[in-house]
Amino acid sequence: AKQQKNCVYKNYSEDYAYGDTDIYFLRE
């Protein structure tokens, strides 16, 4: 979230933890 300047940490942490959604990171 800090690198991307987005809300993935604030808005998606709990949903991801409980399986309501899946979060992935694409890297080089």
mmCIF file of all heavy atoms, coordinates in Angstrom:
data_MODEL
# 
_entry.id   MODEL 
# 
loop_
_atom_site.group_PDB 
_atom_site.id 
_atom_site.type_symbol 
_atom_site.label_atom_id 
_atom_site.label_alt_id 
_atom_site.label_comp_id 
_atom_site.label_asym_id 
_atom_site.label_entity_id 
_atom_site.label_seq_id 
_atom_site.pdbx_PDB_ins_code 
_atom_site.Cartn_x 
_atom_site.Cartn_y 
_atom_site.Cartn_z 
_atom_site.occupancy 
_atom_site.B_iso_or_equiv 
_atom_site.pdbx_formal_charge 
_atom_site.auth_seq_id 
_atom_site.auth_comp_id 
_atom_site.auth_asym_id 
_atom_site.auth_atom_id 
_atom_site.pdbx_PDB_model_num 
ATOM 1   N N   . ALA A 1 1  ? 0.821   -1.206  0.000   1.00 0.00 ? 1  ALA A N   1 
ATOM 2   C CA  . ALA A 1 1  ? 0.000   0.000   0.000   1.00 0.00 ? 1  ALA A CA  1 
ATOM 3   C C   . ALA A 1 1  ? 0.860   1.264   0.000   1.00 0.00 ? 1  ALA A C   1 
ATOM 4   O O   . ALA A 1 1  ? 0.547   2.243   -0.680  1.00 0.00 ? 1  ALA A O   1 
ATOM 5   C CB  . ALA A 1 1  ? -0.918  -0.006  1.210   1.00 0.00 ? 1  ALA A CB  1 
ATOM 6   N N   . LYS A 1 2  ? 1.953   1.233   0.743   1.00 0.00 ? 2  LYS A N   1 
ATOM 7   C CA  . LYS A 1 2  ? 2.848   2.396   0.824   1.00 0.00 ? 2  LYS A CA  1 
ATOM 8   C C   . LYS A 1 2  ? 3.534   2.651   -0.512  1.00 0.00 ? 2  LYS A C   1 
ATOM 9   O O   . LYS A 1 2  ? 3.632   3.792   -0.976  1.00 0.00 ? 2  LYS A O   1 
ATOM 10  C CB  . LYS A 1 2  ? 3.883   2.172   1.920   1.00 0.00 ? 2  LYS A CB  1 
ATOM 11  C CG  . LYS A 1 2  ? 4.743   3.389   2.217   1.00 0.00 ? 2  LYS A CG  1 
ATOM 12  C CD  . LYS A 1 2  ? 5.677   3.123   3.387   1.00 0.00 ? 2  LYS A CD  1 
ATOM 13  C CE  . LYS A 1 2  ? 6.530   4.354   3.691   1.00 0.00 ? 2  LYS A CE  1 
ATOM 14  N NZ  . LYS A 1 2  ? 7.460   4.119   4.826   1.00 0.00 ? 2  LYS A NZ  1 
ATOM 15  N N   . GLN A 1 3  ? 4.016   1.570   -1.159  1.00 0.00 ? 3  GLN A N   1 
ATOM 16  C CA  . GLN A 1 3  ? 4.697   1.713   -2.450  1.00 0.00 ? 3  GLN A CA  1 
ATOM 17  C C   . GLN A 1 3  ? 3.718   2.133   -3.554  1.00 0.00 ? 3  GLN A C   1 
ATOM 18  O O   . GLN A 1 3  ? 4.049   2.957   -4.403  1.00 0.00 ? 3  GLN A O   1 
ATOM 19  C CB  . GLN A 1 3  ? 5.360   0.397   -2.846  1.00 0.00 ? 3  GLN A CB  1 
ATOM 20  C CG  . GLN A 1 3  ? 6.565   0.010   -1.999  1.00 0.00 ? 3  GLN A CG  1 
ATOM 21  C CD  . GLN A 1 3  ? 7.275   -1.193  -2.591  1.00 0.00 ? 3  GLN A CD  1 
ATOM 22  O OE1 . GLN A 1 3  ? 7.770   -1.142  -3.718  1.00 0.00 ? 3  GLN A OE1 1 
ATOM 23  N NE2 . GLN A 1 3  ? 7.338   -2.282  -1.836  1.00 0.00 ? 3  GLN A NE2 1 
ATOM 24  N N   . GLN A 1 4  ? 2.534   1.543   -3.513  1.00 0.00 ? 4  GLN A N   1 
ATOM 25  C CA  . GLN A 1 4  ? 1.571   1.757   -4.591  1.00 0.00 ? 4  GLN A CA  1 
ATOM 26  C C   . GLN A 1 4  ? 0.664   2.977   -4.362  1.00 0.00 ? 4  GLN A C   1 
ATOM 27  O O   . GLN A 1 4  ? -0.080  3.364   -5.261  1.00 0.00 ? 4  GLN A O   1 
ATOM 28  C CB  . GLN A 1 4  ? 0.672   0.518   -4.751  1.00 0.00 ? 4  GLN A CB  1 
ATOM 29  C CG  . GLN A 1 4  ? 1.403   -0.717  -5.283  1.00 0.00 ? 4  GLN A CG  1 
ATOM 30  C CD  . GLN A 1 4  ? 1.743   -0.575  -6.731  1.00 0.00 ? 4  GLN A CD  1 
ATOM 31  O OE1 . GLN A 1 4  ? 2.727   0.085   -7.062  1.00 0.00 ? 4  GLN A OE1 1 
ATOM 32  N NE2 . GLN A 1 4  ? 0.967   -1.184  -7.606  1.00 0.00 ? 4  GLN A NE2 1 
ATOM 33  N N   . LYS A 1 5  ? 0.701   3.527   -3.169  1.00 0.00 ? 5  LYS A N   1 
ATOM 34  C CA  . LYS A 1 5  ? -0.184  4.650   -2.822  1.00 0.00 ? 5  LYS A CA  1 
ATOM 35  C C   . LYS A 1 5  ? -1.648  4.250   -3.032  1.00 0.00 ? 5  LYS A C   1 
ATOM 36  O O   . LYS A 1 5  ? -2.453  4.982   -3.623  1.00 0.00 ? 5  LYS A O   1 
ATOM 37  C CB  . LYS A 1 5  ? 0.131   5.891   -3.674  1.00 0.00 ? 5  LYS A CB  1 
ATOM 38  C CG  . LYS A 1 5  ? 1.582   6.337   -3.638  1.00 0.00 ? 5  LYS A CG  1 
ATOM 39  C CD  . LYS A 1 5  ? 2.011   6.791   -2.266  1.00 0.00 ? 5  LYS A CD  1 
ATOM 40  C CE  . LYS A 1 5  ? 3.454   7.294   -2.258  1.00 0.00 ? 5  LYS A CE  1 
ATOM 41  N NZ  . LYS A 1 5  ? 3.946   7.599   -0.894  1.00 0.00 ? 5  LYS A NZ  1 
ATOM 42  N N   . ASN A 1 6  ? -1.998  3.035   -2.555  1.00 0.00 ? 6  ASN A N   1 
ATOM 43  C CA  . ASN A 1 6  ? -3.376  2.568   -2.690  1.00 0.00 ? 6  ASN A CA  1 
ATOM 44  C C   . ASN A 1 6  ? -3.930  2.136   -1.327  1.00 0.00 ? 6  ASN A C   1 
ATOM 45  O O   . ASN A 1 6  ? -3.258  2.280   -0.291  1.00 0.00 ? 6  ASN A O   1 
ATOM 46  C CB  . ASN A 1 6  ? -3.487  1.443   -3.732  1.00 0.00 ? 6  ASN A CB  1 
ATOM 47  C CG  . ASN A 1 6  ? -2.718  0.183   -3.339  1.00 0.00 ? 6  ASN A CG  1 
ATOM 48  O OD1 . ASN A 1 6  ? -2.473  -0.077  -2.159  1.00 0.00 ? 6  ASN A OD1 1 
ATOM 49  N ND2 . ASN A 1 6  ? -2.338  -0.604  -4.331  1.00 0.00 ? 6  ASN A ND2 1 
ATOM 50  N N   . CYS A 1 7  ? -5.145  1.591   -1.320  1.00 0.00 ? 7  CYS A N   1 
ATOM 51  C CA  . CYS A 1 7  ? -5.826  1.275   -0.062  1.00 0.00 ? 7  CYS A CA  1 
ATOM 52  C C   . CYS A 1 7  ? -5.864  -0.214  0.235   1.00 0.00 ? 7  CYS A C   1 
ATOM 53  O O   . CYS A 1 7  ? -6.719  -0.671  1.000   1.00 0.00 ? 7  CYS A O   1 
ATOM 54  C CB  . CYS A 1 7  ? -7.249  1.827   -0.107  1.00 0.00 ? 7  CYS A CB  1 
ATOM 55  S SG  . CYS A 1 7  ? -8.253  1.121   -1.435  1.00 0.00 ? 7  CYS A SG  1 
ATOM 56  N N   . VAL A 1 8  ? -4.969  -1.012  -0.366  1.00 0.00 ? 8  VAL A N   1 
ATOM 57  C CA  . VAL A 1 8  ? -5.033  -2.454  -0.190  1.00 0.00 ? 8  VAL A CA  1 
ATOM 58  C C   . VAL A 1 8  ? -4.865  -2.869  1.270   1.00 0.00 ? 8  VAL A C   1 
ATOM 59  O O   . VAL A 1 8  ? -5.501  -3.816  1.738   1.00 0.00 ? 8  VAL A O   1 
ATOM 60  C CB  . VAL A 1 8  ? -3.995  -3.170  -1.093  1.00 0.00 ? 8  VAL A CB  1 
ATOM 61  C CG1 . VAL A 1 8  ? -2.562  -2.879  -0.647  1.00 0.00 ? 8  VAL A CG1 1 
ATOM 62  C CG2 . VAL A 1 8  ? -4.264  -4.673  -1.128  1.00 0.00 ? 8  VAL A CG2 1 
ATOM 63  N N   . TYR A 1 9  ? -4.039  -2.155  2.023   1.00 0.00 ? 9  TYR A N   1 
ATOM 64  C CA  . TYR A 1 9  ? -3.824  -2.495  3.445   1.00 0.00 ? 9  TYR A CA  1 
ATOM 65  C C   . TYR A 1 9  ? -5.038  -2.093  4.281   1.00 0.00 ? 9  TYR A C   1 
ATOM 66  O O   . TYR A 1 9  ? -5.558  -2.892  5.071   1.00 0.00 ? 9  TYR A O   1 
ATOM 67  C CB  . TYR A 1 9  ? -2.564  -1.794  3.956   1.00 0.00 ? 9  TYR A CB  1 
ATOM 68  C CG  . TYR A 1 9  ? -2.375  -1.884  5.457   1.00 0.00 ? 9  TYR A CG  1 
ATOM 69  C CD1 . TYR A 1 9  ? -1.987  -3.084  6.058   1.00 0.00 ? 9  TYR A CD1 1 
ATOM 70  C CD2 . TYR A 1 9  ? -2.591  -0.775  6.279   1.00 0.00 ? 9  TYR A CD2 1 
ATOM 71  C CE1 . TYR A 1 9  ? -1.824  -3.179  7.431   1.00 0.00 ? 9  TYR A CE1 1 
ATOM 72  C CE2 . TYR A 1 9  ? -2.440  -0.855  7.651   1.00 0.00 ? 9  TYR A CE2 1 
ATOM 73  C CZ  . TYR A 1 9  ? -2.042  -2.051  8.231   1.00 0.00 ? 9  TYR A CZ  1 
ATOM 74  O OH  . TYR A 1 9  ? -1.888  -2.141  9.585   1.00 0.00 ? 9  TYR A OH  1 
ATOM 75  N N   . LYS A 1 10 ? -5.514  -0.899  4.090   1.00 0.00 ? 10 LYS A N   1 
ATOM 76  C CA  . LYS A 1 10 ? -6.599  -0.366  4.908   1.00 0.00 ? 10 LYS A CA  1 
ATOM 77  C C   . LYS A 1 10 ? -7.940  -1.045  4.622   1.00 0.00 ? 10 LYS A C   1 
ATOM 78  O O   . LYS A 1 10 ? -8.690  -1.360  5.547   1.00 0.00 ? 10 LYS A O   1 
ATOM 79  C CB  . LYS A 1 10 ? -6.720  1.140   4.656   1.00 0.00 ? 10 LYS A CB  1 
ATOM 80  C CG  . LYS A 1 10 ? -7.775  1.827   5.504   1.00 0.00 ? 10 LYS A CG  1 
ATOM 81  C CD  . LYS A 1 10 ? -7.801  3.320   5.200   1.00 0.00 ? 10 LYS A CD  1 
ATOM 82  C CE  . LYS A 1 10 ? -8.888  4.020   6.038   1.00 0.00 ? 10 LYS A CE  1 
ATOM 83  N NZ  . LYS A 1 10 ? -8.959  5.470   5.743   1.00 0.00 ? 10 LYS A NZ  1 
ATOM 84  N N   . ASN A 1 11 ? -8.229  -1.277  3.347   1.00 0.00 ? 11 ASN A N   1 
ATOM 85  C CA  . ASN A 1 11 ? -9.570  -1.756  2.974   1.00 0.00 ? 11 ASN A CA  1 
ATOM 86  C C   . ASN A 1 11 ? -9.676  -3.248  2.688   1.00 0.00 ? 11 ASN A C   1 
ATOM 87  O O   . ASN A 1 11 ? -10.793 -3.780  2.642   1.00 0.00 ? 11 ASN A O   1 
ATOM 88  C CB  . ASN A 1 11 ? -10.076 -0.987  1.749   1.00 0.00 ? 11 ASN A CB  1 
ATOM 89  C CG  . ASN A 1 11 ? -10.349 0.468   2.046   1.00 0.00 ? 11 ASN A CG  1 
ATOM 90  O OD1 . ASN A 1 11 ? -10.300 0.887   3.199   1.00 0.00 ? 11 ASN A OD1 1 
ATOM 91  N ND2 . ASN A 1 11 ? -10.626 1.247   1.019   1.00 0.00 ? 11 ASN A ND2 1 
ATOM 92  N N   . TYR A 1 12 ? -8.548  -3.925  2.468   1.00 0.00 ? 12 TYR A N   1 
ATOM 93  C CA  . TYR A 1 12 ? -8.629  -5.317  2.029   1.00 0.00 ? 12 TYR A CA  1 
ATOM 94  C C   . TYR A 1 12 ? -7.959  -6.328  2.954   1.00 0.00 ? 12 TYR A C   1 
ATOM 95  O O   . TYR A 1 12 ? -8.089  -7.533  2.737   1.00 0.00 ? 12 TYR A O   1 
ATOM 96  C CB  . TYR A 1 12 ? -8.040  -5.458  0.617   1.00 0.00 ? 12 TYR A CB  1 
ATOM 97  C CG  . TYR A 1 12 ? -8.854  -4.768  -0.446  1.00 0.00 ? 12 TYR A CG  1 
ATOM 98  C CD1 . TYR A 1 12 ? -8.656  -3.424  -0.748  1.00 0.00 ? 12 TYR A CD1 1 
ATOM 99  C CD2 . TYR A 1 12 ? -9.848  -5.452  -1.136  1.00 0.00 ? 12 TYR A CD2 1 
ATOM 100 C CE1 . TYR A 1 12 ? -9.410  -2.776  -1.708  1.00 0.00 ? 12 TYR A CE1 1 
ATOM 101 C CE2 . TYR A 1 12 ? -10.613 -4.824  -2.104  1.00 0.00 ? 12 TYR A CE2 1 
ATOM 102 C CZ  . TYR A 1 12 ? -10.392 -3.484  -2.388  1.00 0.00 ? 12 TYR A CZ  1 
ATOM 103 O OH  . TYR A 1 12 ? -11.155 -2.858  -3.348  1.00 0.00 ? 12 TYR A OH  1 
ATOM 104 N N   . SER A 1 13 ? -7.239  -5.876  3.974   1.00 0.00 ? 13 SER A N   1 
ATOM 105 C CA  . SER A 1 13 ? -6.521  -6.806  4.860   1.00 0.00 ? 13 SER A CA  1 
ATOM 106 C C   . SER A 1 13 ? -7.446  -7.834  5.490   1.00 0.00 ? 13 SER A C   1 
ATOM 107 O O   . SER A 1 13 ? -7.179  -9.043  5.461   1.00 0.00 ? 13 SER A O   1 
ATOM 108 C CB  . SER A 1 13 ? -5.795  -6.025  5.961   1.00 0.00 ? 13 SER A CB  1 
ATOM 109 O OG  . SER A 1 13 ? -4.772  -5.234  5.421   1.00 0.00 ? 13 SER A OG  1 
ATOM 110 N N   . GLU A 1 14 ? -8.540  -7.372  6.063   1.00 0.00 ? 14 GLU A N   1 
ATOM 111 C CA  . GLU A 1 14 ? -9.443  -8.285  6.764   1.00 0.00 ? 14 GLU A CA  1 
ATOM 112 C C   . GLU A 1 14 ? -10.180 -9.200  5.786   1.00 0.00 ? 14 GLU A C   1 
ATOM 113 O O   . GLU A 1 14 ? -10.326 -10.401 6.040   1.00 0.00 ? 14 GLU A O   1 
ATOM 114 C CB  . GLU A 1 14 ? -10.438 -7.476  7.602   1.00 0.00 ? 14 GLU A CB  1 
ATOM 115 C CG  . GLU A 1 14 ? -11.139 -8.315  8.640   1.00 0.00 ? 14 GLU A CG  1 
ATOM 116 C CD  . GLU A 1 14 ? -11.706 -7.490  9.778   1.00 0.00 ? 14 GLU A CD  1 
ATOM 117 O OE1 . GLU A 1 14 ? -10.950 -6.746  10.430  1.00 0.00 ? 14 GLU A OE1 1 
ATOM 118 O OE2 . GLU A 1 14 ? -12.923 -7.600  9.995   1.00 0.00 ? 14 GLU A OE2 1 
ATOM 119 N N   . ASP A 1 15 ? -10.639 -8.656  4.647   1.00 0.00 ? 15 ASP A N   1 
ATOM 120 C CA  . ASP A 1 15 ? -11.314 -9.491  3.644   1.00 0.00 ? 15 ASP A CA  1 
ATOM 121 C C   . ASP A 1 15 ? -10.383 -10.574 3.118   1.00 0.00 ? 15 ASP A C   1 
ATOM 122 O O   . ASP A 1 15 ? -10.807 -11.715 2.889   1.00 0.00 ? 15 ASP A O   1 
ATOM 123 C CB  . ASP A 1 15 ? -11.797 -8.622  2.474   1.00 0.00 ? 15 ASP A CB  1 
ATOM 124 C CG  . ASP A 1 15 ? -12.998 -7.771  2.842   1.00 0.00 ? 15 ASP A CG  1 
ATOM 125 O OD1 . ASP A 1 15 ? -13.621 -8.050  3.885   1.00 0.00 ? 15 ASP A OD1 1 
ATOM 126 O OD2 . ASP A 1 15 ? -13.305 -6.826  2.103   1.00 0.00 ? 15 ASP A OD2 1 
ATOM 127 N N   . TYR A 1 16 ? -9.122  -10.215 2.927   1.00 0.00 ? 16 TYR A N   1 
ATOM 128 C CA  . TYR A 1 16 ? -8.128  -11.193 2.455   1.00 0.00 ? 16 TYR A CA  1 
ATOM 129 C C   . TYR A 1 16 ? -7.886  -12.252 3.518   1.00 0.00 ? 16 TYR A C   1 
ATOM 130 O O   . TYR A 1 16 ? -7.848  -13.456 3.224   1.00 0.00 ? 16 TYR A O   1 
ATOM 131 C CB  . TYR A 1 16 ? -6.829  -10.461 2.102   1.00 0.00 ? 16 TYR A CB  1 
ATOM 132 C CG  . TYR A 1 16 ? -5.674  -11.370 1.733   1.00 0.00 ? 16 TYR A CG  1 
ATOM 133 C CD1 . TYR A 1 16 ? -5.804  -12.309 0.713   1.00 0.00 ? 16 TYR A CD1 1 
ATOM 134 C CD2 . TYR A 1 16 ? -4.452  -11.292 2.401   1.00 0.00 ? 16 TYR A CD2 1 
ATOM 135 C CE1 . TYR A 1 16 ? -4.753  -13.147 0.368   1.00 0.00 ? 16 TYR A CE1 1 
ATOM 136 C CE2 . TYR A 1 16 ? -3.394  -12.121 2.057   1.00 0.00 ? 16 TYR A CE2 1 
ATOM 137 C CZ  . TYR A 1 16 ? -3.553  -13.044 1.042   1.00 0.00 ? 16 TYR A CZ  1 
ATOM 138 O OH  . TYR A 1 16 ? -2.507  -13.873 0.711   1.00 0.00 ? 16 TYR A OH  1 
ATOM 139 N N   . ALA A 1 17 ? -7.730  -11.833 4.764   1.00 0.00 ? 17 ALA A N   1 
ATOM 140 C CA  . ALA A 1 17 ? -7.460  -12.766 5.856   1.00 0.00 ? 17 ALA A CA  1 
ATOM 141 C C   . ALA A 1 17 ? -8.572  -13.799 6.001   1.00 0.00 ? 17 ALA A C   1 
ATOM 142 O O   . ALA A 1 17 ? -8.309  -14.974 6.269   1.00 0.00 ? 17 ALA A O   1 
ATOM 143 C CB  . ALA A 1 17 ? -7.269  -12.002 7.160   1.00 0.00 ? 17 ALA A CB  1 
ATOM 144 N N   . TYR A 1 18 ? -9.818  -13.379 5.791   1.00 0.00 ? 18 TYR A N   1 
ATOM 145 C CA  . TYR A 1 18 ? -10.962 -14.276 5.992   1.00 0.00 ? 18 TYR A CA  1 
ATOM 146 C C   . TYR A 1 18 ? -11.454 -14.929 4.705   1.00 0.00 ? 18 TYR A C   1 
ATOM 147 O O   . TYR A 1 18 ? -12.504 -15.563 4.673   1.00 0.00 ? 18 TYR A O   1 
ATOM 148 C CB  . TYR A 1 18 ? -12.101 -13.505 6.671   1.00 0.00 ? 18 TYR A CB  1 
ATOM 149 C CG  . TYR A 1 18 ? -11.861 -13.355 8.154   1.00 0.00 ? 18 TYR A CG  1 
ATOM 150 C CD1 . TYR A 1 18 ? -11.110 -12.281 8.652   1.00 0.00 ? 18 TYR A CD1 1 
ATOM 151 C CD2 . TYR A 1 18 ? -12.342 -14.298 9.060   1.00 0.00 ? 18 TYR A CD2 1 
ATOM 152 C CE1 . TYR A 1 18 ? -10.867 -12.145 10.009  1.00 0.00 ? 18 TYR A CE1 1 
ATOM 153 C CE2 . TYR A 1 18 ? -12.103 -14.172 10.417  1.00 0.00 ? 18 TYR A CE2 1 
ATOM 154 C CZ  . TYR A 1 18 ? -11.362 -13.091 10.885  1.00 0.00 ? 18 TYR A CZ  1 
ATOM 155 O OH  . TYR A 1 18 ? -11.119 -12.969 12.235  1.00 0.00 ? 18 TYR A OH  1 
ATOM 156 N N   . GLY A 1 19 ? -10.697 -14.785 3.626   1.00 0.00 ? 19 GLY A N   1 
ATOM 157 C CA  . GLY A 1 19 ? -11.033 -15.482 2.387   1.00 0.00 ? 19 GLY A CA  1 
ATOM 158 C C   . GLY A 1 19 ? -12.153 -14.885 1.580   1.00 0.00 ? 19 GLY A C   1 
ATOM 159 O O   . GLY A 1 19 ? -12.695 -15.533 0.678   1.00 0.00 ? 19 GLY A O   1 
ATOM 160 N N   . ASP A 1 20 ? -12.525 -13.630 1.889   1.00 0.00 ? 20 ASP A N   1 
ATOM 161 C CA  . ASP A 1 20 ? -13.578 -12.979 1.111   1.00 0.00 ? 20 ASP A CA  1 
ATOM 162 C C   . ASP A 1 20 ? -13.069 -12.508 -0.249  1.00 0.00 ? 20 ASP A C   1 
ATOM 163 O O   . ASP A 1 20 ? -13.850 -12.246 -1.162  1.00 0.00 ? 20 ASP A O   1 
ATOM 164 C CB  . ASP A 1 20 ? -14.146 -11.783 1.873   1.00 0.00 ? 20 ASP A CB  1 
ATOM 165 C CG  . ASP A 1 20 ? -14.869 -12.219 3.150   1.00 0.00 ? 20 ASP A CG  1 
ATOM 166 O OD1 . ASP A 1 20 ? -15.282 -13.397 3.214   1.00 0.00 ? 20 ASP A OD1 1 
ATOM 167 O OD2 . ASP A 1 20 ? -15.007 -11.400 4.067   1.00 0.00 ? 20 ASP A OD2 1 
ATOM 168 N N   . THR A 1 21 ? -11.752 -12.361 -0.384  1.00 0.00 ? 21 THR A N   1 
ATOM 169 C CA  . THR A 1 21 ? -11.124 -11.991 -1.648  1.00 0.00 ? 21 THR A CA  1 
ATOM 170 C C   . THR A 1 21 ? -9.676  -12.461 -1.621  1.00 0.00 ? 21 THR A C   1 
ATOM 171 O O   . THR A 1 21 ? -9.154  -12.838 -0.564  1.00 0.00 ? 21 THR A O   1 
ATOM 172 C CB  . THR A 1 21 ? -11.209 -10.468 -1.884  1.00 0.00 ? 21 THR A CB  1 
ATOM 173 O OG1 . THR A 1 21 ? -10.904 -10.195 -3.248  1.00 0.00 ? 21 THR A OG1 1 
ATOM 174 C CG2 . THR A 1 21 ? -10.247 -9.696  -0.991  1.00 0.00 ? 21 THR A CG2 1 
ATOM 175 N N   . ASP A 1 22 ? -9.005  -12.461 -2.767  1.00 0.00 ? 22 ASP A N   1 
ATOM 176 C CA  . ASP A 1 22 ? -7.589  -12.862 -2.865  1.00 0.00 ? 22 ASP A CA  1 
ATOM 177 C C   . ASP A 1 22 ? -6.762  -11.690 -3.363  1.00 0.00 ? 22 ASP A C   1 
ATOM 178 O O   . ASP A 1 22 ? -7.142  -11.026 -4.325  1.00 0.00 ? 22 ASP A O   1 
ATOM 179 C CB  . ASP A 1 22 ? -7.418  -14.044 -3.824  1.00 0.00 ? 22 ASP A CB  1 
ATOM 180 C CG  . ASP A 1 22 ? -8.161  -15.290 -3.348  1.00 0.00 ? 22 ASP A CG  1 
ATOM 181 O OD1 . ASP A 1 22 ? -8.426  -15.375 -2.136  1.00 0.00 ? 22 ASP A OD1 1 
ATOM 182 O OD2 . ASP A 1 22 ? -8.477  -16.159 -4.176  1.00 0.00 ? 22 ASP A OD2 1 
ATOM 183 N N   . ILE A 1 23 ? -5.628  -11.445 -2.700  1.00 0.00 ? 23 ILE A N   1 
ATOM 184 C CA  . ILE A 1 23 ? -4.745  -10.347 -3.071  1.00 0.00 ? 23 ILE A CA  1 
ATOM 185 C C   . ILE A 1 23 ? -3.387  -10.897 -3.512  1.00 0.00 ? 23 ILE A C   1 
ATOM 186 O O   . ILE A 1 23 ? -2.769  -11.690 -2.806  1.00 0.00 ? 23 ILE A O   1 
ATOM 187 C CB  . ILE A 1 23 ? -4.541  -9.364  -1.891  1.00 0.00 ? 23 ILE A CB  1 
ATOM 188 C CG1 . ILE A 1 23 ? -5.887  -8.799  -1.429  1.00 0.00 ? 23 ILE A CG1 1 
ATOM 189 C CG2 . ILE A 1 23 ? -3.592  -8.242  -2.283  1.00 0.00 ? 23 ILE A CG2 1 
ATOM 190 C CD1 . ILE A 1 23 ? -6.616  -7.958  -2.455  1.00 0.00 ? 23 ILE A CD1 1 
ATOM 191 N N   . TYR A 1 24 ? -2.941  -10.453 -4.699  1.00 0.00 ? 24 TYR A N   1 
ATOM 192 C CA  . TYR A 1 24 ? -1.656  -10.891 -5.254  1.00 0.00 ? 24 TYR A CA  1 
ATOM 193 C C   . TYR A 1 24 ? -0.818  -9.671  -5.639  1.00 0.00 ? 24 TYR A C   1 
ATOM 194 O O   . TYR A 1 24 ? -1.350  -8.596  -5.918  1.00 0.00 ? 24 TYR A O   1 
ATOM 195 C CB  . TYR A 1 24 ? -1.878  -11.747 -6.501  1.00 0.00 ? 24 TYR A CB  1 
ATOM 196 C CG  . TYR A 1 24 ? -2.539  -13.087 -6.250  1.00 0.00 ? 24 TYR A CG  1 
ATOM 197 C CD1 . TYR A 1 24 ? -3.924  -13.209 -6.260  1.00 0.00 ? 24 TYR A CD1 1 
ATOM 198 C CD2 . TYR A 1 24 ? -1.764  -14.227 -6.020  1.00 0.00 ? 24 TYR A CD2 1 
ATOM 199 C CE1 . TYR A 1 24 ? -4.537  -14.429 -6.036  1.00 0.00 ? 24 TYR A CE1 1 
ATOM 200 C CE2 . TYR A 1 24 ? -2.376  -15.458 -5.802  1.00 0.00 ? 24 TYR A CE2 1 
ATOM 201 C CZ  . TYR A 1 24 ? -3.754  -15.557 -5.804  1.00 0.00 ? 24 TYR A CZ  1 
ATOM 202 O OH  . TYR A 1 24 ? -4.345  -16.774 -5.577  1.00 0.00 ? 24 TYR A OH  1 
ATOM 203 N N   . PHE A 1 25 ? 0.495   -9.893  -5.675  1.00 0.00 ? 25 PHE A N   1 
ATOM 204 C CA  . PHE A 1 25 ? 1.429   -8.845  -6.089  1.00 0.00 ? 25 PHE A CA  1 
ATOM 205 C C   . PHE A 1 25 ? 2.180   -9.306  -7.316  1.00 0.00 ? 25 PHE A C   1 
ATOM 206 O O   . PHE A 1 25 ? 2.777   -10.389 -7.320  1.00 0.00 ? 25 PHE A O   1 
ATOM 207 C CB  . PHE A 1 25 ? 2.437   -8.528  -4.986  1.00 0.00 ? 25 PHE A CB  1 
ATOM 208 C CG  . PHE A 1 25 ? 1.823   -8.132  -3.670  1.00 0.00 ? 25 PHE A CG  1 
ATOM 209 C CD1 . PHE A 1 25 ? 2.503   -8.366  -2.478  1.00 0.00 ? 25 PHE A CD1 1 
ATOM 210 C CD2 . PHE A 1 25 ? 0.582   -7.516  -3.615  1.00 0.00 ? 25 PHE A CD2 1 
ATOM 211 C CE1 . PHE A 1 25 ? 1.950   -8.006  -1.267  1.00 0.00 ? 25 PHE A CE1 1 
ATOM 212 C CE2 . PHE A 1 25 ? 0.022   -7.142  -2.412  1.00 0.00 ? 25 PHE A CE2 1 
ATOM 213 C CZ  . PHE A 1 25 ? 0.705   -7.391  -1.228  1.00 0.00 ? 25 PHE A CZ  1 
ATOM 214 N N   . LEU A 1 26 ? 2.143   -8.506  -8.372  1.00 0.00 ? 26 LEU A N   1 
ATOM 215 C CA  . LEU A 1 26 ? 2.945   -8.773  -9.569  1.00 0.00 ? 26 LEU A CA  1 
ATOM 216 C C   . LEU A 1 26 ? 4.251   -7.987  -9.431  1.00 0.00 ? 26 LEU A C   1 
ATOM 217 O O   . LEU A 1 26 ? 4.223   -6.780  -9.185  1.00 0.00 ? 26 LEU A O   1 
ATOM 218 C CB  . LEU A 1 26 ? 2.187   -8.348  -10.822 1.00 0.00 ? 26 LEU A CB  1 
ATOM 219 C CG  . LEU A 1 26 ? 2.867   -8.639  -12.175 1.00 0.00 ? 26 LEU A CG  1 
ATOM 220 C CD1 . LEU A 1 26 ? 1.816   -8.883  -13.241 1.00 0.00 ? 26 LEU A CD1 1 
ATOM 221 C CD2 . LEU A 1 26 ? 3.784   -7.503  -12.618 1.00 0.00 ? 26 LEU A CD2 1 
ATOM 222 N N   . ARG A 1 27 ? 5.381   -8.684  -9.583  1.00 0.00 ? 27 ARG A N   1 
ATOM 223 C CA  . ARG A 1 27 ? 6.697   -8.049  -9.446  1.00 0.00 ? 27 ARG A CA  1 
ATOM 224 C C   . ARG A 1 27 ? 7.583   -8.453  -10.635 1.00 0.00 ? 27 ARG A C   1 
ATOM 225 O O   . ARG A 1 27 ? 7.268   -9.387  -11.379 1.00 0.00 ? 27 ARG A O   1 
ATOM 226 C CB  . ARG A 1 27 ? 7.384   -8.506  -8.143  1.00 0.00 ? 27 ARG A CB  1 
ATOM 227 C CG  . ARG A 1 27 ? 6.538   -8.288  -6.875  1.00 0.00 ? 27 ARG A CG  1 
ATOM 228 C CD  . ARG A 1 27 ? 6.648   -6.883  -6.385  1.00 0.00 ? 27 ARG A CD  1 
ATOM 229 N NE  . ARG A 1 27 ? 5.746   -6.540  -5.309  1.00 0.00 ? 27 ARG A NE  1 
ATOM 230 C CZ  . ARG A 1 27 ? 5.997   -6.661  -4.013  1.00 0.00 ? 27 ARG A CZ  1 
ATOM 231 N NH1 . ARG A 1 27 ? 7.149   -7.177  -3.612  1.00 0.00 ? 27 ARG A NH1 1 
ATOM 232 N NH2 . ARG A 1 27 ? 5.112   -6.268  -3.128  1.00 0.00 ? 27 ARG A NH2 1 
ATOM 233 N N   . GLU A 1 28 ? 8.693   -7.748  -10.779 1.00 0.00 ? 28 GLU A N   1 
ATOM 234 C CA  . GLU A 1 28 ? 9.678   -8.108  -11.796 1.00 0.00 ? 28 GLU A CA  1 
ATOM 235 C C   . GLU A 1 28 ? 10.696  -9.056  -11.172 1.00 0.00 ? 28 GLU A C   1 
ATOM 236 O O   . GLU A 1 28 ? 11.086  -8.878  -10.009 1.00 0.00 ? 28 GLU A O   1 
ATOM 237 C CB  . GLU A 1 28 ? 10.376  -6.854  -12.330 1.00 0.00 ? 28 GLU A CB  1 
ATOM 238 C CG  . GLU A 1 28 ? 9.449   -5.943  -13.125 1.00 0.00 ? 28 GLU A CG  1 
ATOM 239 C CD  . GLU A 1 28 ? 10.157  -4.687  -13.616 1.00 0.00 ? 28 GLU A CD  1 
ATOM 240 O OE1 . GLU A 1 28 ? 11.341  -4.494  -13.261 1.00 0.00 ? 28 GLU A OE1 1 
ATOM 241 O OE2 . GLU A 1 28 ? 9.526   -3.903  -14.351 1.00 0.00 ? 28 GLU A OE2 1 
# 
